[in-house]
Amino acid sequence: MDAHRLIKLAESKNDRDLVERVINRFYKVYFTDGKSIADKDVLTAAAVEAGLDKDEVEKILVSDQYERQVVGDEVEAQQLGIQGAPFFVINNKYAISGAQPYEVFVQALEKVKAEEK
């Protein structure tokens, strides 16, 4: 939950590069470095290394800020039947689960384009 809340903080900055850096840093710390991002010190260090302000990160972690948004994302994911990653939703209508060949994405995009005519 805390990692997702910090991603929401990054999203609030309207800087897609920052969001990607934060997500990638969390992945690296967890999957490559083998550290627990449930540990607030590890999570704080990773978020700051990715470019978030330490004071803002610490403020978020002692509050419930962004919790409603994260829970809302989880509810939406359950409603869409999302059970894993990656998962893509195109035009709020077509769902693509798992790693798929590009043809699957082309088909979905062609359907969206045809519907717009």
PDB file of N, CA and C in Angstrom:
ATOM      1  N   MET A   1       0.826  -1.194   0.000  1.00  0.00           N
ATOM      2  CA  MET A   1       0.000   0.000   0.000  1.00  0.00           C
ATOM      3  C   MET A   1       0.870   1.258   0.000  1.00  0.00           C
ATOM      4  N   ASP A   2       1.925   1.275   0.847  1.00  0.00           N
ATOM      5  CA  ASP A   2       2.753   2.485   0.931  1.00  0.00           C
ATOM      6  C   ASP A   2       3.451   2.791  -0.385  1.00  0.00           C
ATOM      7  N   ALA A   3       3.954   1.766  -1.056  1.00  0.00           N
ATOM      8  CA  ALA A   3       4.619   1.999  -2.346  1.00  0.00           C
ATOM      9  C   ALA A   3       3.634   2.589  -3.347  1.00  0.00           C
ATOM     10  N   HIS A   4       2.420   2.074  -3.355  1.00  0.00           N
ATOM     11  CA  HIS A   4       1.408   2.596  -4.273  1.00  0.00           C
ATOM     12  C   HIS A   4       1.039   4.039  -3.925  1.00  0.00           C
ATOM     13  N   ARG A   5       1.002   4.347  -2.649  1.00  0.00           N
ATOM     14  CA  ARG A   5       0.700   5.728  -2.247  1.00  0.00           C
ATOM     15  C   ARG A   5       1.811   6.674  -2.701  1.00  0.00           C
ATOM     16  N   LEU A   6       3.057   6.213  -2.648  1.00  0.00           N
ATOM     17  CA  LEU A   6       4.156   7.064  -3.112  1.00  0.00           C
ATOM     18  C   LEU A   6       4.140   7.217  -4.629  1.00  0.00           C
ATOM     19  N   ILE A   7       3.661   6.214  -5.330  1.00  0.00           N
ATOM     20  CA  ILE A   7       3.487   6.357  -6.784  1.00  0.00           C
ATOM     21  C   ILE A   7       2.415   7.410  -7.060  1.00  0.00           C
ATOM     22  N   LYS A   8       1.367   7.424  -6.262  1.00  0.00           N
ATOM     23  CA  LYS A   8       0.336   8.467  -6.401  1.00  0.00           C
ATOM     24  C   LYS A   8       0.934   9.853  -6.149  1.00  0.00           C
ATOM     25  N   LEU A   9       1.833   9.950  -5.172  1.00  0.00           N
ATOM     26  CA  LEU A   9       2.518  11.220  -4.926  1.00  0.00           C
ATOM     27  C   LEU A   9       3.287  11.633  -6.173  1.00  0.00           C
ATOM     28  N   ALA A  10       4.011  10.701  -6.763  1.00  0.00           N
ATOM     29  CA  ALA A  10       4.761  11.008  -7.991  1.00  0.00           C
ATOM     30  C   ALA A  10       3.811  11.444  -9.101  1.00  0.00           C
ATOM     31  N   GLU A  11       2.676  10.761  -9.238  1.00  0.00           N
ATOM     32  CA  GLU A  11       1.698  11.124 -10.268  1.00  0.00           C
ATOM     33  C   GLU A  11       1.168  12.539 -10.053  1.00  0.00           C
ATOM     34  N   SER A  12       1.072  12.962  -8.810  1.00  0.00           N
ATOM     35  CA  SER A  12       0.547  14.299  -8.517  1.00  0.00           C
ATOM     36  C   SER A  12       1.473  15.401  -9.022  1.00  0.00           C
ATOM     37  N   LYS A  13       2.694  15.060  -9.356  1.00  0.00           N
ATOM     38  CA  LYS A  13       3.667  16.040  -9.854  1.00  0.00           C
ATOM     39  C   LYS A  13       3.538  16.269 -11.361  1.00  0.00           C
ATOM     40  N   ASN A  14       2.668  15.498 -12.016  1.00  0.00           N
ATOM     41  CA  ASN A  14       2.460  15.615 -13.468  1.00  0.00           C
ATOM     42  C   ASN A  14       3.766  15.508 -14.246  1.00  0.00           C
ATOM     43  N   ASP A  15       4.591  14.556 -13.840  1.00  0.00           N
ATOM     44  CA  ASP A  15       5.887  14.322 -14.470  1.00  0.00           C
ATOM     45  C   ASP A  15       6.014  12.822 -14.720  1.00  0.00           C
ATOM     46  N   ARG A  16       5.679  12.417 -15.952  1.00  0.00           N
ATOM     47  CA  ARG A  16       5.670  10.990 -16.288  1.00  0.00           C
ATOM     48  C   ARG A  16       7.037  10.341 -16.067  1.00  0.00           C
ATOM     49  N   ASP A  17       8.113  11.076 -16.348  1.00  0.00           N
ATOM     50  CA  ASP A  17       9.451  10.530 -16.128  1.00  0.00           C
ATOM     51  C   ASP A  17       9.681  10.225 -14.646  1.00  0.00           C
ATOM     52  N   LEU A  18       9.208  11.104 -13.783  1.00  0.00           N
ATOM     53  CA  LEU A  18       9.345  10.877 -12.344  1.00  0.00           C
ATOM     54  C   LEU A  18       8.587   9.623 -11.930  1.00  0.00           C
ATOM     55  N   VAL A  19       7.375   9.478 -12.418  1.00  0.00           N
ATOM     56  CA  VAL A  19       6.569   8.294 -12.091  1.00  0.00           C
ATOM     57  C   VAL A  19       7.311   7.033 -12.519  1.00  0.00           C
ATOM     58  N   GLU A  20       7.837   7.031 -13.730  1.00  0.00           N
ATOM     59  CA  GLU A  20       8.563   5.860 -14.222  1.00  0.00           C
ATOM     60  C   GLU A  20       9.814   5.589 -13.394  1.00  0.00           C
ATOM     61  N   ARG A  21      10.521   6.644 -13.003  1.00  0.00           N
ATOM     62  CA  ARG A  21      11.719   6.454 -12.169  1.00  0.00           C
ATOM     63  C   ARG A  21      11.351   5.842 -10.817  1.00  0.00           C
ATOM     64  N   VAL A  22      10.272   6.323 -10.228  1.00  0.00           N
ATOM     65  CA  VAL A  22       9.841   5.796  -8.932  1.00  0.00           C
ATOM     66  C   VAL A  22       9.471   4.320  -9.063  1.00  0.00           C
ATOM     67  N   ILE A  23       8.646   3.995 -10.039  1.00  0.00           N
ATOM     68  CA  ILE A  23       8.236   2.599 -10.230  1.00  0.00           C
ATOM     69  C   ILE A  23       9.449   1.719 -10.499  1.00  0.00           C
ATOM     70  N   ASN A  24      10.309   2.144 -11.409  1.00  0.00           N
ATOM     71  CA  ASN A  24      11.491   1.343 -11.742  1.00  0.00           C
ATOM     72  C   ASN A  24      12.416   1.176 -10.548  1.00  0.00           C
ATOM     73  N   ARG A  25      12.537   2.210  -9.735  1.00  0.00           N
ATOM     74  CA  ARG A  25      13.392   2.114  -8.547  1.00  0.00           C
ATOM     75  C   ARG A  25      12.804   1.125  -7.552  1.00  0.00           C
ATOM     76  N   PHE A  26      11.492   1.164  -7.355  1.00  0.00           N
ATOM     77  CA  PHE A  26      10.857   0.207  -6.443  1.00  0.00           C
ATOM     78  C   PHE A  26      11.067  -1.223  -6.941  1.00  0.00           C
ATOM     79  N   TYR A  27      10.891  -1.432  -8.251  1.00  0.00           N
ATOM     80  CA  TYR A  27      11.128  -2.764  -8.819  1.00  0.00           C
ATOM     81  C   TYR A  27      12.562  -3.213  -8.583  1.00  0.00           C
ATOM     82  N   LYS A  28      13.524  -2.325  -8.830  1.00  0.00           N
ATOM     83  CA  LYS A  28      14.933  -2.689  -8.662  1.00  0.00           C
ATOM     84  C   LYS A  28      15.237  -3.050  -7.214  1.00  0.00           C
ATOM     85  N   VAL A  29      14.777  -2.220  -6.302  1.00  0.00           N
ATOM     86  CA  VAL A  29      15.040  -2.467  -4.884  1.00  0.00           C
ATOM     87  C   VAL A  29      14.457  -3.814  -4.461  1.00  0.00           C
ATOM     88  N   TYR A  30      13.250  -4.111  -4.931  1.00  0.00           N
ATOM     89  CA  TYR A  30      12.578  -5.344  -4.522  1.00  0.00           C
ATOM     90  C   TYR A  30      13.113  -6.572  -5.261  1.00  0.00           C
ATOM     91  N   PHE A  31      13.098  -6.517  -6.593  1.00  0.00           N
ATOM     92  CA  PHE A  31      13.438  -7.702  -7.376  1.00  0.00           C
ATOM     93  C   PHE A  31      14.934  -7.927  -7.544  1.00  0.00           C
ATOM     94  N   THR A  32      15.711  -6.873  -7.716  1.00  0.00           N
ATOM     95  CA  THR A  32      17.144  -7.026  -7.962  1.00  0.00           C
ATOM     96  C   THR A  32      17.947  -7.008  -6.669  1.00  0.00           C
ATOM     97  N   ASP A  33      17.646  -6.031  -5.824  1.00  0.00           N
ATOM     98  CA  ASP A  33      18.416  -5.892  -4.587  1.00  0.00           C
ATOM     99  C   ASP A  33      17.905  -6.797  -3.468  1.00  0.00           C
ATOM    100  N   GLY A  34      16.700  -7.336  -3.636  1.00  0.00           N
ATOM    101  CA  GLY A  34      16.150  -8.257  -2.646  1.00  0.00           C
ATOM    102  C   GLY A  34      15.754  -7.607  -1.332  1.00  0.00           C
ATOM    103  N   LYS A  35      15.453  -6.327  -1.378  1.00  0.00           N
ATOM    104  CA  LYS A  35      15.052  -5.615  -0.160  1.00  0.00           C
ATOM    105  C   LYS A  35      13.532  -5.521  -0.088  1.00  0.00           C
ATOM    106  N   SER A  36      13.037  -5.371   1.116  1.00  0.00           N
ATOM    107  CA  SER A  36      11.595  -5.280   1.324  1.00  0.00           C
ATOM    108  C   SER A  36      11.134  -3.834   1.216  1.00  0.00           C
ATOM    109  N   ILE A  37      10.242  -3.588   0.273  1.00  0.00           N
ATOM    110  CA  ILE A  37       9.689  -2.237   0.163  1.00  0.00           C
ATOM    111  C   ILE A  37       8.563  -2.023   1.175  1.00  0.00           C
ATOM    112  N   ALA A  38       8.295  -3.026   2.003  1.00  0.00           N
ATOM    113  CA  ALA A  38       7.387  -2.835   3.132  1.00  0.00           C
ATOM    114  C   ALA A  38       8.111  -2.114   4.271  1.00  0.00           C
ATOM    115  N   ASP A  39       9.435  -2.123   4.226  1.00  0.00           N
ATOM    116  CA  ASP A  39      10.253  -1.408   5.207  1.00  0.00           C
ATOM    117  C   ASP A  39      10.249   0.072   4.837  1.00  0.00           C
ATOM    118  N   LYS A  40       9.732   0.895   5.715  1.00  0.00           N
ATOM    119  CA  LYS A  40       9.580   2.325   5.404  1.00  0.00           C
ATOM    120  C   LYS A  40      10.911   3.016   5.118  1.00  0.00           C
ATOM    121  N   ASP A  41      11.987   2.596   5.768  1.00  0.00           N
ATOM    122  CA  ASP A  41      13.297   3.197   5.502  1.00  0.00           C
ATOM    123  C   ASP A  41      13.783   2.851   4.096  1.00  0.00           C
ATOM    124  N   VAL A  42      13.608   1.598   3.706  1.00  0.00           N
ATOM    125  CA  VAL A  42      13.989   1.163   2.356  1.00  0.00           C
ATOM    126  C   VAL A  42      13.145   1.900   1.324  1.00  0.00           C
ATOM    127  N   LEU A  43      11.854   1.973   1.575  1.00  0.00           N
ATOM    128  CA  LEU A  43      10.933   2.632   0.653  1.00  0.00           C
ATOM    129  C   LEU A  43      11.249   4.122   0.532  1.00  0.00           C
ATOM    130  N   THR A  44      11.514   4.755   1.638  1.00  0.00           N
ATOM    131  CA  THR A  44      11.856   6.184   1.619  1.00  0.00           C
ATOM    132  C   THR A  44      13.126   6.422   0.819  1.00  0.00           C
ATOM    133  N   ALA A  45      14.153   5.630   1.084  1.00  0.00           N
ATOM    134  CA  ALA A  45      15.422   5.793   0.366  1.00  0.00           C
ATOM    135  C   ALA A  45      15.225   5.606  -1.135  1.00  0.00           C
ATOM    136  N   ALA A  46      14.458   4.597  -1.522  1.00  0.00           N
ATOM    137  CA  ALA A  46      14.216   4.342  -2.946  1.00  0.00           C
ATOM    138  C   ALA A  46      13.455   5.497  -3.587  1.00  0.00           C
ATOM    139  N   ALA A  47      12.443   6.000  -2.901  1.00  0.00           N
ATOM    140  CA  ALA A  47      11.640   7.101  -3.442  1.00  0.00           C
ATOM    141  C   ALA A  47      12.482   8.360  -3.614  1.00  0.00           C
ATOM    142  N   VAL A  48      13.328   8.639  -2.640  1.00  0.00           N
ATOM    143  CA  VAL A  48      14.187   9.826  -2.709  1.00  0.00           C
ATOM    144  C   VAL A  48      15.220   9.663  -3.820  1.00  0.00           C
ATOM    145  N   GLU A  49      15.803   8.465  -3.944  1.00  0.00           N
ATOM    146  CA  GLU A  49      16.763   8.209  -5.022  1.00  0.00           C
ATOM    147  C   GLU A  49      16.118   8.401  -6.393  1.00  0.00           C
ATOM    148  N   ALA A  50      14.821   8.118  -6.481  1.00  0.00           N
ATOM    149  CA  ALA A  50      14.106   8.263  -7.756  1.00  0.00           C
ATOM    150  C   ALA A  50      13.742   9.711  -8.052  1.00  0.00           C
ATOM    151  N   GLY A  51      13.819  10.575  -7.033  1.00  0.00           N
ATOM    152  CA  GLY A  51      13.553  11.986  -7.288  1.00  0.00           C
ATOM    153  C   GLY A  51      12.458  12.632  -6.464  1.00  0.00           C
ATOM    154  N   LEU A  52      11.821  11.879  -5.568  1.00  0.00           N
ATOM    155  CA  LEU A  52      10.806  12.478  -4.702  1.00  0.00           C
ATOM    156  C   LEU A  52      11.475  13.192  -3.529  1.00  0.00           C
ATOM    157  N   ASP A  53      10.801  14.199  -3.020  1.00  0.00           N
ATOM    158  CA  ASP A  53      11.304  14.972  -1.891  1.00  0.00           C
ATOM    159  C   ASP A  53      11.163  14.165  -0.598  1.00  0.00           C
ATOM    160  N   LYS A  54      12.243  14.071   0.169  1.00  0.00           N
ATOM    161  CA  LYS A  54      12.244  13.249   1.380  1.00  0.00           C
ATOM    162  C   LYS A  54      11.178  13.694   2.375  1.00  0.00           C
ATOM    163  N   ASP A  55      11.029  14.988   2.579  1.00  0.00           N
ATOM    164  CA  ASP A  55      10.026  15.476   3.531  1.00  0.00           C
ATOM    165  C   ASP A  55       8.615  15.093   3.102  1.00  0.00           C
ATOM    166  N   GLU A  56       8.338  15.204   1.802  1.00  0.00           N
ATOM    167  CA  GLU A  56       7.007  14.821   1.300  1.00  0.00           C
ATOM    168  C   GLU A  56       6.773  13.328   1.473  1.00  0.00           C
ATOM    169  N   VAL A  57       7.792  12.530   1.166  1.00  0.00           N
ATOM    170  CA  VAL A  57       7.679  11.075   1.301  1.00  0.00           C
ATOM    171  C   VAL A  57       7.378  10.711   2.752  1.00  0.00           C
ATOM    172  N   GLU A  58       8.141  11.265   3.669  1.00  0.00           N
ATOM    173  CA  GLU A  58       7.936  10.951   5.086  1.00  0.00           C
ATOM    174  C   GLU A  58       6.558  11.393   5.564  1.00  0.00           C
ATOM    175  N   LYS A  59       6.086  12.526   5.071  1.00  0.00           N
ATOM    176  CA  LYS A  59       4.752  13.021   5.433  1.00  0.00           C
ATOM    177  C   LYS A  59       3.669  12.050   4.948  1.00  0.00           C
ATOM    178  N   ILE A  60       3.816  11.567   3.730  1.00  0.00           N
ATOM    179  CA  ILE A  60       2.843  10.613   3.181  1.00  0.00           C
ATOM    180  C   ILE A  60       2.827   9.338   4.018  1.00  0.00           C
ATOM    181  N   LEU A  61       4.002   8.842   4.366  1.00  0.00           N
ATOM    182  CA  LEU A  61       4.098   7.551   5.044  1.00  0.00           C
ATOM    183  C   LEU A  61       3.543   7.551   6.463  1.00  0.00           C
ATOM    184  N   VAL A  62       3.410   8.714   7.083  1.00  0.00           N
ATOM    185  CA  VAL A  62       2.814   8.767   8.428  1.00  0.00           C
ATOM    186  C   VAL A  62       1.353   9.216   8.380  1.00  0.00           C
ATOM    187  N   SER A  63       0.818   9.328   7.178  1.00  0.00           N
ATOM    188  CA  SER A  63      -0.573   9.760   7.011  1.00  0.00           C
ATOM    189  C   SER A  63      -1.345   8.679   6.261  1.00  0.00           C
ATOM    190  N   ASP A  64      -2.590   8.998   5.946  1.00  0.00           N
ATOM    191  CA  ASP A  64      -3.374   8.097   5.100  1.00  0.00           C
ATOM    192  C   ASP A  64      -3.603   8.716   3.717  1.00  0.00           C
ATOM    193  N   GLN A  65      -2.805   9.726   3.403  1.00  0.00           N
ATOM    194  CA  GLN A  65      -2.962  10.409   2.115  1.00  0.00           C
ATOM    195  C   GLN A  65      -2.777   9.422   0.964  1.00  0.00           C
ATOM    196  N   TYR A  66      -3.619   9.526  -0.031  1.00  0.00           N
ATOM    197  CA  TYR A  66      -3.659   8.710  -1.246  1.00  0.00           C
ATOM    198  C   TYR A  66      -4.205   7.296  -1.007  1.00  0.00           C
ATOM    199  N   GLU A  67      -4.550   6.972   0.233  1.00  0.00           N
ATOM    200  CA  GLU A  67      -5.052   5.632   0.512  1.00  0.00           C
ATOM    201  C   GLU A  67      -6.359   5.361  -0.230  1.00  0.00           C
ATOM    202  N   ARG A  68      -7.276   6.337  -0.214  1.00  0.00           N
ATOM    203  CA  ARG A  68      -8.558   6.147  -0.917  1.00  0.00           C
ATOM    204  C   ARG A  68      -8.347   5.896  -2.398  1.00  0.00           C
ATOM    205  N   GLN A  69      -7.407   6.641  -3.011  1.00  0.00           N
ATOM    206  CA  GLN A  69      -7.151   6.470  -4.439  1.00  0.00           C
ATOM    207  C   GLN A  69      -6.594   5.077  -4.733  1.00  0.00           C
ATOM    208  N   VAL A  70      -5.697   4.599  -3.877  1.00  0.00           N
ATOM    209  CA  VAL A  70      -5.115   3.271  -4.084  1.00  0.00           C
ATOM    210  C   VAL A  70      -6.189   2.200  -3.926  1.00  0.00           C
ATOM    211  N   VAL A  71      -7.009   2.319  -2.901  1.00  0.00           N
ATOM    212  CA  VAL A  71      -8.097   1.360  -2.701  1.00  0.00           C
ATOM    213  C   VAL A  71      -9.059   1.420  -3.887  1.00  0.00           C
ATOM    214  N   GLY A  72      -9.341   2.614  -4.383  1.00  0.00           N
ATOM    215  CA  GLY A  72     -10.196   2.756  -5.562  1.00  0.00           C
ATOM    216  C   GLY A  72      -9.613   2.058  -6.776  1.00  0.00           C
ATOM    217  N   ASP A  73      -8.302   2.168  -6.954  1.00  0.00           N
ATOM    218  CA  ASP A  73      -7.639   1.462  -8.054  1.00  0.00           C
ATOM    219  C   ASP A  73      -7.781  -0.048  -7.894  1.00  0.00           C
ATOM    220  N   GLU A  74      -7.653  -0.538  -6.661  1.00  0.00           N
ATOM    221  CA  GLU A  74      -7.785  -1.972  -6.400  1.00  0.00           C
ATOM    222  C   GLU A  74      -9.198  -2.458  -6.700  1.00  0.00           C
ATOM    223  N   VAL A  75     -10.194  -1.684  -6.298  1.00  0.00           N
ATOM    224  CA  VAL A  75     -11.590  -2.050  -6.565  1.00  0.00           C
ATOM    225  C   VAL A  75     -11.837  -2.090  -8.070  1.00  0.00           C
ATOM    226  N   GLU A  76     -11.359  -1.071  -8.774  1.00  0.00           N
ATOM    227  CA  GLU A  76     -11.522  -1.036 -10.230  1.00  0.00           C
ATOM    228  C   GLU A  76     -10.842  -2.237 -10.880  1.00  0.00           C
ATOM    229  N   ALA A  77      -9.669  -2.597 -10.409  1.00  0.00           N
ATOM    230  CA  ALA A  77      -8.951  -3.746 -10.959  1.00  0.00           C
ATOM    231  C   ALA A  77      -9.750  -5.030 -10.743  1.00  0.00           C
ATOM    232  N   GLN A  78     -10.321  -5.189  -9.568  1.00  0.00           N
ATOM    233  CA  GLN A  78     -11.138  -6.370  -9.293  1.00  0.00           C
ATOM    234  C   GLN A  78     -12.363  -6.409 -10.197  1.00  0.00           C
ATOM    235  N   GLN A  79     -12.993  -5.263 -10.407  1.00  0.00           N
ATOM    236  CA  GLN A  79     -14.176  -5.205 -11.263  1.00  0.00           C
ATOM    237  C   GLN A  79     -13.841  -5.567 -12.704  1.00  0.00           C
ATOM    238  N   LEU A  80     -12.624  -5.233 -13.123  1.00  0.00           N
ATOM    239  CA  LEU A  80     -12.189  -5.553 -14.482  1.00  0.00           C
ATOM    240  C   LEU A  80     -11.659  -6.977 -14.596  1.00  0.00           C
ATOM    241  N   GLY A  81     -11.549  -7.671 -13.476  1.00  0.00           N
ATOM    242  CA  GLY A  81     -11.047  -9.038 -13.488  1.00  0.00           C
ATOM    243  C   GLY A  81      -9.533  -9.135 -13.531  1.00  0.00           C
ATOM    244  N   ILE A  82      -8.858  -8.078 -13.181  1.00  0.00           N
ATOM    245  CA  ILE A  82      -7.395  -8.084 -13.202  1.00  0.00           C
ATOM    246  C   ILE A  82      -6.887  -8.957 -12.063  1.00  0.00           C
ATOM    247  N   GLN A  83      -6.039  -9.912 -12.434  1.00  0.00           N
ATOM    248  CA  GLN A  83      -5.457 -10.799 -11.436  1.00  0.00           C
ATOM    249  C   GLN A  83      -3.941 -10.817 -11.509  1.00  0.00           C
ATOM    250  N   GLY A  84      -3.372 -10.091 -12.436  1.00  0.00           N
ATOM    251  CA  GLY A  84      -1.922 -10.080 -12.575  1.00  0.00           C
ATOM    252  C   GLY A  84      -1.472  -8.939 -13.450  1.00  0.00           C
ATOM    253  N   ALA A  85      -0.195  -8.926 -13.700  1.00  0.00           N
ATOM    254  CA  ALA A  85       0.396  -7.867 -14.515  1.00  0.00           C
ATOM    255  C   ALA A  85       1.271  -8.509 -15.590  1.00  0.00           C
ATOM    256  N   PRO A  86       1.423  -7.894 -16.703  1.00  0.00           N
ATOM    257  CA  PRO A  86       0.810  -6.626 -17.076  1.00  0.00           C
ATOM    258  C   PRO A  86      -0.659  -6.805 -17.456  1.00  0.00           C
ATOM    259  N   PHE A  87      -1.402  -5.734 -17.360  1.00  0.00           N
ATOM    260  CA  PHE A  87      -2.814  -5.727 -17.732  1.00  0.00           C
ATOM    261  C   PHE A  87      -3.110  -4.374 -18.348  1.00  0.00           C
ATOM    262  N   PHE A  88      -3.722  -4.389 -19.512  1.00  0.00           N
ATOM    263  CA  PHE A  88      -3.985  -3.156 -20.251  1.00  0.00           C
ATOM    264  C   PHE A  88      -5.478  -3.008 -20.482  1.00  0.00           C
ATOM    265  N   VAL A  89      -5.979  -1.797 -20.304  1.00  0.00           N
ATOM    266  CA  VAL A  89      -7.368  -1.484 -20.615  1.00  0.00           C
ATOM    267  C   VAL A  89      -7.345  -0.413 -21.692  1.00  0.00           C
ATOM    268  N   ILE A  90      -7.981  -0.716 -22.811  1.00  0.00           N
ATOM    269  CA  ILE A  90      -7.986   0.204 -23.944  1.00  0.00           C
ATOM    270  C   ILE A  90      -9.381   0.784 -24.096  1.00  0.00           C
ATOM    271  N   ASN A  91      -9.448   2.104 -24.044  1.00  0.00           N
ATOM    272  CA  ASN A  91     -10.705   2.834 -24.232  1.00  0.00           C
ATOM    273  C   ASN A  91     -11.775   2.426 -23.215  1.00  0.00           C
ATOM    274  N   ASN A  92     -11.341   2.059 -22.022  1.00  0.00           N
ATOM    275  CA  ASN A  92     -12.246   1.613 -20.955  1.00  0.00           C
ATOM    276  C   ASN A  92     -13.171   0.488 -21.390  1.00  0.00           C
ATOM    277  N   LYS A  93     -12.758  -0.282 -22.383  1.00  0.00           N
ATOM    278  CA  LYS A  93     -13.638  -1.307 -22.918  1.00  0.00           C
ATOM    279  C   LYS A  93     -12.937  -2.637 -23.153  1.00  0.00           C
ATOM    280  N   TYR A  94     -11.753  -2.596 -23.711  1.00  0.00           N
ATOM    281  CA  TYR A  94     -11.042  -3.821 -24.066  1.00  0.00           C
ATOM    282  C   TYR A  94      -9.912  -4.078 -23.084  1.00  0.00           C
ATOM    283  N   ALA A  95      -9.875  -5.298 -22.565  1.00  0.00           N
ATOM    284  CA  ALA A  95      -8.846  -5.666 -21.595  1.00  0.00           C
ATOM    285  C   ALA A  95      -7.911  -6.696 -22.211  1.00  0.00           C
ATOM    286  N   ILE A  96      -6.630  -6.484 -21.979  1.00  0.00           N
ATOM    287  CA  ILE A  96      -5.609  -7.410 -22.459  1.00  0.00           C
ATOM    288  C   ILE A  96      -4.775  -7.807 -21.249  1.00  0.00           C
ATOM    289  N   SER A  97      -4.766  -9.101 -20.958  1.00  0.00           N
ATOM    290  CA  SER A  97      -4.061  -9.598 -19.784  1.00  0.00           C
ATOM    291  C   SER A  97      -2.791 -10.332 -20.186  1.00  0.00           C
ATOM    292  N   GLY A  98      -1.736 -10.093 -19.440  1.00  0.00           N
ATOM    293  CA  GLY A  98      -0.485 -10.807 -19.658  1.00  0.00           C
ATOM    294  C   GLY A  98       0.318 -10.260 -20.818  1.00  0.00           C
ATOM    295  N   ALA A  99       1.490 -10.828 -20.976  1.00  0.00           N
ATOM    296  CA  ALA A  99       2.365 -10.441 -22.085  1.00  0.00           C
ATOM    297  C   ALA A  99       1.785 -11.038 -23.363  1.00  0.00           C
ATOM    298  N   GLN A 100       1.424 -10.196 -24.289  1.00  0.00           N
ATOM    299  CA  GLN A 100       0.772 -10.624 -25.523  1.00  0.00           C
ATOM    300  C   GLN A 100       1.579 -10.146 -26.724  1.00  0.00           C
ATOM    301  N   PRO A 101       1.455 -10.862 -27.839  1.00  0.00           N
ATOM    302  CA  PRO A 101       2.113 -10.374 -29.057  1.00  0.00           C
ATOM    303  C   PRO A 101       1.460  -9.072 -29.521  1.00  0.00           C
ATOM    304  N   TYR A 102       2.205  -8.304 -30.272  1.00  0.00           N
ATOM    305  CA  TYR A 102       1.709  -6.991 -30.695  1.00  0.00           C
ATOM    306  C   TYR A 102       0.425  -7.090 -31.502  1.00  0.00           C
ATOM    307  N   GLU A 103       0.191  -8.214 -32.173  1.00  0.00           N
ATOM    308  CA  GLU A 103      -1.028  -8.370 -32.973  1.00  0.00           C
ATOM    309  C   GLU A 103      -2.293  -8.238 -32.120  1.00  0.00           C
ATOM    310  N   VAL A 104      -2.220  -8.681 -30.889  1.00  0.00           N
ATOM    311  CA  VAL A 104      -3.372  -8.581 -29.987  1.00  0.00           C
ATOM    312  C   VAL A 104      -3.711  -7.111 -29.734  1.00  0.00           C
ATOM    313  N   PHE A 105      -2.683  -6.296 -29.559  1.00  0.00           N
ATOM    314  CA  PHE A 105      -2.897  -4.861 -29.343  1.00  0.00           C
ATOM    315  C   PHE A 105      -3.419  -4.194 -30.613  1.00  0.00           C
ATOM    316  N   VAL A 106      -2.889  -4.602 -31.750  1.00  0.00           N
ATOM    317  CA  VAL A 106      -3.344  -4.047 -33.027  1.00  0.00           C
ATOM    318  C   VAL A 106      -4.826  -4.343 -33.220  1.00  0.00           C
ATOM    319  N   GLN A 107      -5.244  -5.575 -32.937  1.00  0.00           N
ATOM    320  CA  GLN A 107      -6.659  -5.940 -33.076  1.00  0.00           C
ATOM    321  C   GLN A 107      -7.541  -5.071 -32.180  1.00  0.00           C
ATOM    322  N   ALA A 108      -7.138  -4.898 -30.943  1.00  0.00           N
ATOM    323  CA  ALA A 108      -7.936  -4.087 -30.016  1.00  0.00           C
ATOM    324  C   ALA A 108      -8.013  -2.643 -30.486  1.00  0.00           C
ATOM    325  N   LEU A 109      -6.896  -2.102 -30.932  1.00  0.00           N
ATOM    326  CA  LEU A 109      -6.887  -0.715 -31.407  1.00  0.00           C
ATOM    327  C   LEU A 109      -7.708  -0.553 -32.680  1.00  0.00           C
ATOM    328  N   GLU A 110      -7.682  -1.559 -33.544  1.00  0.00           N
ATOM    329  CA  GLU A 110      -8.503  -1.504 -34.761  1.00  0.00           C
ATOM    330  C   GLU A 110      -9.989  -1.529 -34.413  1.00  0.00           C
ATOM    331  N   LYS A 111     -10.373  -2.300 -33.403  1.00  0.00           N
ATOM    332  CA  LYS A 111     -11.770  -2.317 -32.958  1.00  0.00           C
ATOM    333  C   LYS A 111     -12.198  -0.937 -32.455  1.00  0.00           C
ATOM    334  N   VAL A 112     -11.344  -0.323 -31.667  1.00  0.00           N
ATOM    335  CA  VAL A 112     -11.647   1.013 -31.144  1.00  0.00           C
ATOM    336  C   VAL A 112     -11.797   1.995 -32.292  1.00  0.00           C
ATOM    337  N   LYS A 113     -10.885   1.937 -33.243  1.00  0.00           N
ATOM    338  CA  LYS A 113     -10.928   2.848 -34.392  1.00  0.00           C
ATOM    339  C   LYS A 113     -12.207   2.640 -35.202  1.00  0.00           C
ATOM    340  N   ALA A 114     -12.589   1.382 -35.415  1.00  0.00           N
ATOM    341  CA  ALA A 114     -13.799   1.081 -36.184  1.00  0.00           C
ATOM    342  C   ALA A 114     -15.051   1.587 -35.465  1.00  0.00           C
ATOM    343  N   GLU A 115     -15.056   1.507 -34.161  1.00  0.00           N
ATOM    344  CA  GLU A 115     -16.208   1.967 -33.385  1.00  0.00           C
ATOM    345  C   GLU A 115     -16.356   3.481 -33.412  1.00  0.00           C
ATOM    346  N   GLU A 116     -15.261   4.186 -33.616  1.00  0.00           N
ATOM    347  CA  GLU A 116     -15.303   5.647 -33.625  1.00  0.00           C
ATOM    348  C   GLU A 116     -15.841   6.199 -34.933  1.00  0.00           C
ATOM    349  N   LYS A 117     -15.969   5.367 -35.936  1.00  0.00           N
ATOM    350  CA  LYS A 117     -16.466   5.828 -37.242  1.00  0.00           C
ATOM    351  C   LYS A 117     -17.962   5.927 -37.248  1.00  0.00           C
TER     352      LYS A 117
END
